[in-house]
């Protein structure tokens, strides 16, 4: 499956039958973002306030276009090993299945991850 773990702006799961609107915000989830500040305790659950942010800079590319990153850090309510990136889908992106790439401290996420846009 090449579907990235993404929630649309309304909190629903991104899919072919439920694509994100261009210009909307999405939340992307993953693991392996490196260190957070403040430092998180392994296997702890992230709270919903005072969330830890990634130390390394994070950028996002959707459909080959730069996407504004509004947040990069711990995913509220999930294990501290899971990170969340909130990004704005470029208004000029194509519709349908498009590639999404996060770059964290110079390392990019796996190739072949996609989201659906309308």
Protein backbone atom coordinates (compact mmCIF):
# COMPACT_ATOMS: atom_id res chain seq x y z
CA UNK A 1 0.00 0.00 0.00
CA UNK A 2 1.43 3.37 -0.98
CA UNK A 3 -1.04 5.49 1.04
CA UNK A 4 0.70 7.73 3.58
CA UNK A 5 -0.81 7.97 7.08
CA UNK A 6 -2.68 11.28 6.64
CA UNK A 7 -5.71 12.98 8.14
CA UNK A 8 -7.57 15.63 6.18
CA UNK A 9 -8.29 19.05 7.68
CA UNK A 10 -11.65 17.80 9.04
CA UNK A 11 -9.93 14.93 10.90
CA UNK A 12 -11.06 12.18 8.51
CA UNK A 13 -8.66 9.66 6.97
CA UNK A 14 -7.27 10.69 3.58
CA UNK A 15 -8.10 8.17 0.85
CA UNK A 16 -9.12 7.90 -2.78
CA UNK A 17 -12.76 8.17 -1.74
CA UNK A 18 -11.98 10.98 0.75
CA UNK A 19 -9.33 13.25 -0.81
CA UNK A 20 -7.97 16.43 0.77
CA UNK A 21 -8.84 19.77 -0.81
CA UNK A 22 -6.04 21.77 -2.37
CA UNK A 23 -5.22 24.68 -0.05
CA UNK A 24 -6.36 22.75 3.04
CA UNK A 25 -4.24 21.61 5.98
CA UNK A 26 -3.36 17.94 6.44
CA UNK A 27 -1.72 16.00 9.27
CA UNK A 28 0.92 13.45 8.27
CA UNK A 29 2.07 10.75 10.72
CA UNK A 30 5.27 8.73 10.81
CA UNK A 31 8.17 7.46 12.89
CA UNK A 32 11.89 8.20 12.86
CA UNK A 33 11.91 11.99 13.20
CA UNK A 34 14.93 12.00 15.50
CA UNK A 35 15.11 13.94 18.74
CA UNK A 36 12.40 16.17 20.15
CA UNK A 37 12.58 19.14 22.50
CA UNK A 38 11.80 18.88 25.27
CA UNK A 39 13.13 15.33 25.29
CA UNK A 40 10.41 12.69 25.41
CA UNK A 41 10.40 9.55 27.53
CA UNK A 42 10.55 6.37 25.43
CA UNK A 43 7.19 4.57 25.07
CA UNK A 44 5.35 7.39 26.87
CA UNK A 45 2.16 8.88 25.49
CA UNK A 46 2.24 12.44 24.19
CA UNK A 47 -0.13 14.81 25.91
CA UNK A 48 -2.23 17.45 24.24
CA UNK A 49 -0.48 20.53 25.63
CA UNK A 50 3.19 21.50 25.67
CA UNK A 51 3.99 19.15 22.80
CA UNK A 52 7.61 18.35 21.99
CA UNK A 53 8.84 19.71 18.67
CA UNK A 54 11.35 18.15 16.30
CA UNK A 55 14.87 19.50 16.76
CA UNK A 56 15.84 19.00 13.11
CA UNK A 57 14.16 21.28 10.56
CA UNK A 58 11.22 19.76 8.65
CA UNK A 59 10.06 20.52 5.12
CA UNK A 60 7.27 18.98 3.07
CA UNK A 61 6.78 18.44 -0.63
CA UNK A 62 3.38 17.56 -2.09
CA UNK A 63 3.14 16.76 -5.80
CA UNK A 64 6.72 18.07 -6.12
CA UNK A 65 5.72 21.47 -4.72
CA UNK A 66 6.88 23.00 -1.46
CA UNK A 67 4.18 22.81 1.21
CA UNK A 68 4.06 25.15 4.21
CA UNK A 69 4.79 23.25 7.45
CA UNK A 70 2.75 24.67 10.33
CA UNK A 71 3.81 22.11 12.97
CA UNK A 72 6.31 19.27 13.31
CA UNK A 73 6.59 17.31 16.53
CA UNK A 74 4.96 14.82 18.82
CA UNK A 75 1.56 13.45 17.79
CA UNK A 76 -0.98 14.29 20.52
CA UNK A 77 -2.32 11.19 22.28
CA UNK A 78 0.05 8.77 20.54
CA UNK A 79 3.28 7.04 21.58
CA UNK A 80 6.25 9.42 21.70
CA UNK A 81 7.86 7.54 18.80
CA UNK A 82 5.16 8.84 16.45
CA UNK A 83 5.55 12.29 14.94
CA UNK A 84 2.99 14.55 13.28
CA UNK A 85 3.57 17.15 10.58
CA UNK A 86 0.80 19.61 9.78
CA UNK A 87 1.22 20.99 6.27
CA UNK A 88 -0.82 23.06 3.84
CA UNK A 89 -1.52 21.43 0.48
CA UNK A 90 -0.31 23.73 -2.33
CA UNK A 91 -3.23 25.28 -4.19
CA UNK A 92 -1.56 24.49 -7.51
CA UNK A 93 -1.10 20.77 -6.84
CA UNK A 94 -2.62 18.23 -9.21
CA UNK A 95 -5.74 16.33 -8.20
CA UNK A 96 -5.80 12.55 -7.73
CA UNK A 97 -2.99 10.49 -6.23
CA UNK A 98 0.14 12.59 -5.65
CA UNK A 99 3.46 12.02 -3.92
CA UNK A 100 4.25 13.39 -0.47
CA UNK A 101 7.79 13.64 0.87
CA UNK A 102 8.85 14.92 4.28
CA UNK A 103 12.47 15.90 4.83
CA UNK A 104 13.69 15.97 8.41
CA UNK A 105 17.20 17.20 9.06
CA UNK A 106 18.26 16.38 5.51
CA UNK A 107 16.81 12.82 5.48
CA UNK A 108 13.73 12.22 3.34
CA UNK A 109 10.88 9.86 4.04
CA UNK A 110 10.55 6.71 1.97
CA UNK A 111 9.72 7.12 -1.68
CA UNK A 112 6.35 6.01 -2.97
CA UNK A 113 4.21 7.56 -0.22
CA UNK A 114 1.09 9.19 -1.65
CA UNK A 115 -1.99 11.17 -0.68
CA UNK A 116 -5.22 11.90 -2.53
CA UNK A 117 -6.26 15.43 -3.52
CA UNK A 118 -9.40 16.99 -4.99
